[in-house]
Amino acid sequence: MTKRIGAWVIFLVCLLALSFSATPYSRAANEVLVGARLALLAILSVLTVREWWKKEKEPNSTAGGHRSEGLLQRWRRWYQDEPKRDPRS
């Protein structure tokens, strides 16, 4: 986990230096970052609507303790390196 934090700190420091026009590449970096932000926003929006749509379509079948996992729960498990849960529990 500390390796991830260190990598994020370095990344954010580089972004901070670029945002203050401290380098000659600040304008190009700004355009790239705005494009990346818009792309990420579009991807997350599509995934959120997809998950919502899937929940709307699936019948409310909580019998037998079966409950589907949401998108954010799966991302949390992936980020925390947790093992996959048994859907029956």
N, C-alpha and C. Protein backbone atom coordinates (compact mmCIF):
# COMPACT_ATOMS: atom_id res chain seq x y z
N MET A 1 0.82 -1.19 0.00
CA MET A 1 0.00 0.00 0.00
C MET A 1 0.86 1.26 0.00
N THR A 2 2.01 1.22 0.67
CA THR A 2 2.86 2.41 0.72
C THR A 2 3.48 2.72 -0.63
N LYS A 3 3.69 1.69 -1.46
CA LYS A 3 4.21 1.93 -2.81
C LYS A 3 3.21 2.72 -3.63
N ARG A 4 1.94 2.40 -3.46
CA ARG A 4 0.90 3.12 -4.19
C ARG A 4 0.85 4.58 -3.75
N ILE A 5 0.95 4.80 -2.47
CA ILE A 5 0.90 6.18 -1.96
C ILE A 5 2.08 6.98 -2.48
N GLY A 6 3.27 6.38 -2.46
CA GLY A 6 4.45 7.06 -2.98
C GLY A 6 4.33 7.40 -4.45
N ALA A 7 3.80 6.48 -5.22
CA ALA A 7 3.62 6.73 -6.65
C ALA A 7 2.61 7.84 -6.88
N TRP A 8 1.53 7.84 -6.13
CA TRP A 8 0.52 8.89 -6.26
C TRP A 8 1.09 10.25 -5.87
N VAL A 9 1.91 10.30 -4.84
CA VAL A 9 2.50 11.57 -4.41
C VAL A 9 3.40 12.14 -5.51
N ILE A 10 4.22 11.30 -6.10
CA ILE A 10 5.09 11.75 -7.20
C ILE A 10 4.25 12.25 -8.37
N PHE A 11 3.23 11.50 -8.71
CA PHE A 11 2.34 11.89 -9.81
C PHE A 11 1.68 13.24 -9.53
N LEU A 12 1.18 13.44 -8.33
CA LEU A 12 0.51 14.69 -7.99
C LEU A 12 1.48 15.86 -7.94
N VAL A 13 2.71 15.63 -7.51
CA VAL A 13 3.72 16.70 -7.51
C VAL A 13 4.04 17.12 -8.95
N CYS A 14 4.13 16.15 -9.84
CA CYS A 14 4.37 16.48 -11.26
C CYS A 14 3.21 17.28 -11.83
N LEU A 15 2.00 16.88 -11.50
CA LEU A 15 0.83 17.63 -11.97
C LEU A 15 0.82 19.04 -11.40
N LEU A 16 1.21 19.18 -10.15
CA LEU A 16 1.25 20.50 -9.53
C LEU A 16 2.28 21.39 -10.23
N ALA A 17 3.44 20.84 -10.53
CA ALA A 17 4.47 21.62 -11.24
C ALA A 17 3.97 22.04 -12.62
N LEU A 18 3.27 21.14 -13.30
CA LEU A 18 2.74 21.50 -14.62
C LEU A 18 1.62 22.53 -14.52
N SER A 19 0.83 22.46 -13.46
CA SER A 19 -0.31 23.37 -13.34
C SER A 19 0.13 24.80 -13.05
N PHE A 20 1.30 24.99 -12.47
CA PHE A 20 1.80 26.33 -12.18
C PHE A 20 2.62 26.89 -13.34
N SER A 21 2.56 26.27 -14.49
CA SER A 21 3.31 26.70 -15.67
C SER A 21 4.81 26.74 -15.40
N ALA A 22 5.27 25.79 -14.62
CA ALA A 22 6.69 25.74 -14.27
C ALA A 22 7.51 25.10 -15.37
N THR A 23 6.86 24.52 -16.35
CA THR A 23 7.58 23.87 -17.44
C THR A 23 7.06 24.42 -18.77
N PRO A 24 7.83 24.25 -19.82
CA PRO A 24 7.34 24.72 -21.13
C PRO A 24 6.22 23.84 -21.69
N TYR A 25 5.95 22.71 -21.07
CA TYR A 25 4.92 21.79 -21.57
C TYR A 25 3.59 21.96 -20.85
N SER A 26 3.41 23.03 -20.11
CA SER A 26 2.22 23.18 -19.29
C SER A 26 0.94 23.25 -20.12
N ARG A 27 0.97 23.92 -21.24
CA ARG A 27 -0.24 24.03 -22.07
C ARG A 27 -0.63 22.67 -22.65
N ALA A 28 0.35 21.95 -23.17
CA ALA A 28 0.07 20.61 -23.71
C ALA A 28 -0.40 19.67 -22.61
N ALA A 29 0.22 19.76 -21.44
CA ALA A 29 -0.18 18.90 -20.32
C ALA A 29 -1.60 19.23 -19.89
N ASN A 30 -1.95 20.51 -19.89
CA ASN A 30 -3.29 20.91 -19.52
C ASN A 30 -4.32 20.32 -20.48
N GLU A 31 -4.03 20.37 -21.77
CA GLU A 31 -4.95 19.81 -22.76
C GLU A 31 -5.09 18.30 -22.60
N VAL A 32 -3.99 17.63 -22.34
CA VAL A 32 -4.03 16.18 -22.15
C VAL A 32 -4.82 15.84 -20.89
N LEU A 33 -4.60 16.57 -19.81
CA LEU A 33 -5.30 16.28 -18.56
C LEU A 33 -6.79 16.57 -18.66
N VAL A 34 -7.16 17.62 -19.36
CA VAL A 34 -8.58 17.91 -19.55
C VAL A 34 -9.22 16.80 -20.38
N GLY A 35 -8.54 16.37 -21.42
CA GLY A 35 -9.06 15.26 -22.23
C GLY A 35 -9.18 13.97 -21.44
N ALA A 36 -8.17 13.68 -20.63
CA ALA A 36 -8.21 12.47 -19.80
C ALA A 36 -9.35 12.55 -18.79
N ARG A 37 -9.55 13.72 -18.21
CA ARG A 37 -10.63 13.89 -17.23
C ARG A 37 -11.99 13.68 -17.88
N LEU A 38 -12.19 14.25 -19.07
CA LEU A 38 -13.45 14.08 -19.77
C LEU A 38 -13.68 12.62 -20.18
N ALA A 39 -12.61 11.96 -20.61
CA ALA A 39 -12.73 10.54 -20.97
C ALA A 39 -13.08 9.70 -19.75
N LEU A 40 -12.42 9.95 -18.63
CA LEU A 40 -12.70 9.22 -17.40
C LEU A 40 -14.13 9.47 -16.94
N LEU A 41 -14.58 10.70 -17.04
CA LEU A 41 -15.94 11.04 -16.65
C LEU A 41 -16.95 10.30 -17.53
N ALA A 42 -16.68 10.24 -18.82
CA ALA A 42 -17.58 9.52 -19.74
C ALA A 42 -17.61 8.03 -19.43
N ILE A 43 -16.44 7.45 -19.19
CA ILE A 43 -16.37 6.01 -18.90
C ILE A 43 -17.10 5.69 -17.60
N LEU A 44 -16.85 6.48 -16.56
CA LEU A 44 -17.52 6.23 -15.28
C LEU A 44 -19.02 6.44 -15.39
N SER A 45 -19.44 7.40 -16.19
CA SER A 45 -20.88 7.62 -16.38
C SER A 45 -21.52 6.43 -17.07
N VAL A 46 -20.88 5.92 -18.09
CA VAL A 46 -21.42 4.76 -18.80
C VAL A 46 -21.48 3.56 -17.87
N LEU A 47 -20.43 3.33 -17.10
CA LEU A 47 -20.43 2.19 -16.17
C LEU A 47 -21.51 2.34 -15.10
N THR A 48 -21.71 3.55 -14.61
CA THR A 48 -22.73 3.77 -13.59
C THR A 48 -24.12 3.53 -14.15
N VAL A 49 -24.38 4.05 -15.33
CA VAL A 49 -25.70 3.83 -15.95
C VAL A 49 -25.90 2.36 -16.25
N ARG A 50 -24.85 1.68 -16.68
CA ARG A 50 -24.94 0.24 -16.97
C ARG A 50 -25.30 -0.55 -15.71
N GLU A 51 -24.64 -0.23 -14.59
CA GLU A 51 -24.95 -0.91 -13.33
C GLU A 51 -26.37 -0.60 -12.88
N TRP A 52 -26.79 0.65 -13.02
CA TRP A 52 -28.14 1.01 -12.63
C TRP A 52 -29.16 0.27 -13.50
N TRP A 53 -28.88 0.22 -14.79
CA TRP A 53 -29.78 -0.46 -15.72
C TRP A 53 -29.87 -1.95 -15.39
N LYS A 54 -28.73 -2.55 -15.05
CA LYS A 54 -28.72 -3.98 -14.71
C LYS A 54 -29.54 -4.24 -13.45
N LYS A 55 -29.42 -3.35 -12.46
CA LYS A 55 -30.19 -3.49 -11.22
C LYS A 55 -31.68 -3.33 -11.49
N GLU A 56 -32.04 -2.43 -12.40
CA GLU A 56 -33.45 -2.22 -12.72
C GLU A 56 -34.04 -3.44 -13.43
N LYS A 57 -33.25 -4.08 -14.26
CA LYS A 57 -33.74 -5.22 -15.04
C LYS A 57 -33.82 -6.50 -14.21
N GLU A 58 -32.92 -6.67 -13.25
CA GLU A 58 -32.89 -7.92 -12.51
C GLU A 58 -34.01 -7.94 -11.48
N PRO A 59 -34.70 -9.09 -11.38
CA PRO A 59 -35.80 -9.17 -10.41
C PRO A 59 -35.26 -9.13 -8.97
N ASN A 60 -36.09 -8.70 -8.07
CA ASN A 60 -35.69 -8.61 -6.67
C ASN A 60 -35.68 -10.01 -6.06
N SER A 61 -34.65 -10.74 -6.35
CA SER A 61 -34.55 -12.12 -5.86
C SER A 61 -33.51 -12.18 -4.74
N THR A 62 -33.95 -11.89 -3.54
CA THR A 62 -33.06 -12.00 -2.40
C THR A 62 -33.27 -13.32 -1.69
N ALA A 63 -34.09 -14.20 -2.26
CA ALA A 63 -34.33 -15.51 -1.65
C ALA A 63 -33.05 -16.33 -1.71
N GLY A 64 -32.77 -17.03 -0.65
CA GLY A 64 -31.57 -17.86 -0.61
C GLY A 64 -30.33 -17.06 -0.28
N GLY A 65 -30.47 -15.81 0.08
CA GLY A 65 -29.32 -14.99 0.46
C GLY A 65 -28.50 -14.51 -0.71
N HIS A 66 -28.94 -14.73 -1.92
CA HIS A 66 -28.17 -14.29 -3.09
C HIS A 66 -28.37 -12.80 -3.29
N ARG A 67 -27.27 -12.09 -3.38
CA ARG A 67 -27.32 -10.65 -3.61
C ARG A 67 -26.16 -10.28 -4.50
N SER A 68 -26.46 -9.59 -5.59
CA SER A 68 -25.38 -9.27 -6.52
C SER A 68 -24.52 -8.14 -5.97
N GLU A 69 -23.26 -8.16 -6.37
CA GLU A 69 -22.31 -7.15 -5.93
C GLU A 69 -22.38 -5.94 -6.85
N GLY A 70 -22.25 -4.77 -6.29
CA GLY A 70 -22.28 -3.55 -7.07
C GLY A 70 -20.91 -3.22 -7.63
N LEU A 71 -20.89 -2.27 -8.53
CA LEU A 71 -19.66 -1.86 -9.19
C LEU A 71 -18.65 -1.30 -8.19
N LEU A 72 -19.10 -0.44 -7.28
CA LEU A 72 -18.18 0.14 -6.31
C LEU A 72 -17.62 -0.90 -5.35
N GLN A 73 -18.43 -1.90 -5.01
CA GLN A 73 -17.94 -2.97 -4.14
C GLN A 73 -16.85 -3.78 -4.84
N ARG A 74 -17.05 -4.04 -6.14
CA ARG A 74 -16.02 -4.79 -6.88
C ARG A 74 -14.75 -3.98 -7.00
N TRP A 75 -14.85 -2.66 -7.25
CA TRP A 75 -13.65 -1.81 -7.33
C TRP A 75 -12.93 -1.77 -5.99
N ARG A 76 -13.69 -1.71 -4.88
CA ARG A 76 -13.07 -1.69 -3.56
C ARG A 76 -12.30 -2.99 -3.32
N ARG A 77 -12.94 -4.12 -3.68
CA ARG A 77 -12.26 -5.41 -3.53
C ARG A 77 -11.00 -5.46 -4.37
N TRP A 78 -11.04 -4.96 -5.60
CA TRP A 78 -9.87 -4.95 -6.48
C TRP A 78 -8.77 -4.07 -5.89
N TYR A 79 -9.13 -2.89 -5.41
CA TYR A 79 -8.13 -1.96 -4.89
C TYR A 79 -7.51 -2.48 -3.60
N GLN A 80 -8.30 -3.11 -2.76
CA GLN A 80 -7.80 -3.62 -1.48
C GLN A 80 -7.18 -5.02 -1.60
N ASP A 81 -7.20 -5.59 -2.80
CA ASP A 81 -6.70 -6.95 -3.04
C ASP A 81 -7.37 -7.98 -2.14
N GLU A 82 -8.68 -7.83 -1.99
CA GLU A 82 -9.45 -8.77 -1.19
C GLU A 82 -9.83 -9.96 -2.07
N PRO A 83 -9.96 -11.13 -1.48
CA PRO A 83 -10.38 -12.29 -2.29
C PRO A 83 -11.84 -12.15 -2.70
N LYS A 84 -12.19 -12.82 -3.80
CA LYS A 84 -13.55 -12.75 -4.29
C LYS A 84 -14.48 -13.45 -3.32
N ARG A 85 -15.60 -12.79 -3.03
CA ARG A 85 -16.55 -13.35 -2.08
C ARG A 85 -17.43 -14.40 -2.74
N ASP A 86 -17.89 -15.33 -1.93
CA ASP A 86 -18.82 -16.34 -2.39
C ASP A 86 -20.20 -15.68 -2.52
N PRO A 87 -20.85 -15.74 -3.70
CA PRO A 87 -22.14 -15.05 -3.87
C PRO A 87 -23.25 -15.62 -2.99
N ARG A 88 -23.08 -16.81 -2.47
CA ARG A 88 -24.12 -17.41 -1.64
C ARG A 88 -24.06 -16.91 -0.21
N SER A 89 -22.98 -16.24 0.17
CA SER A 89 -22.88 -15.78 1.56
C SER A 89 -23.27 -14.34 1.71
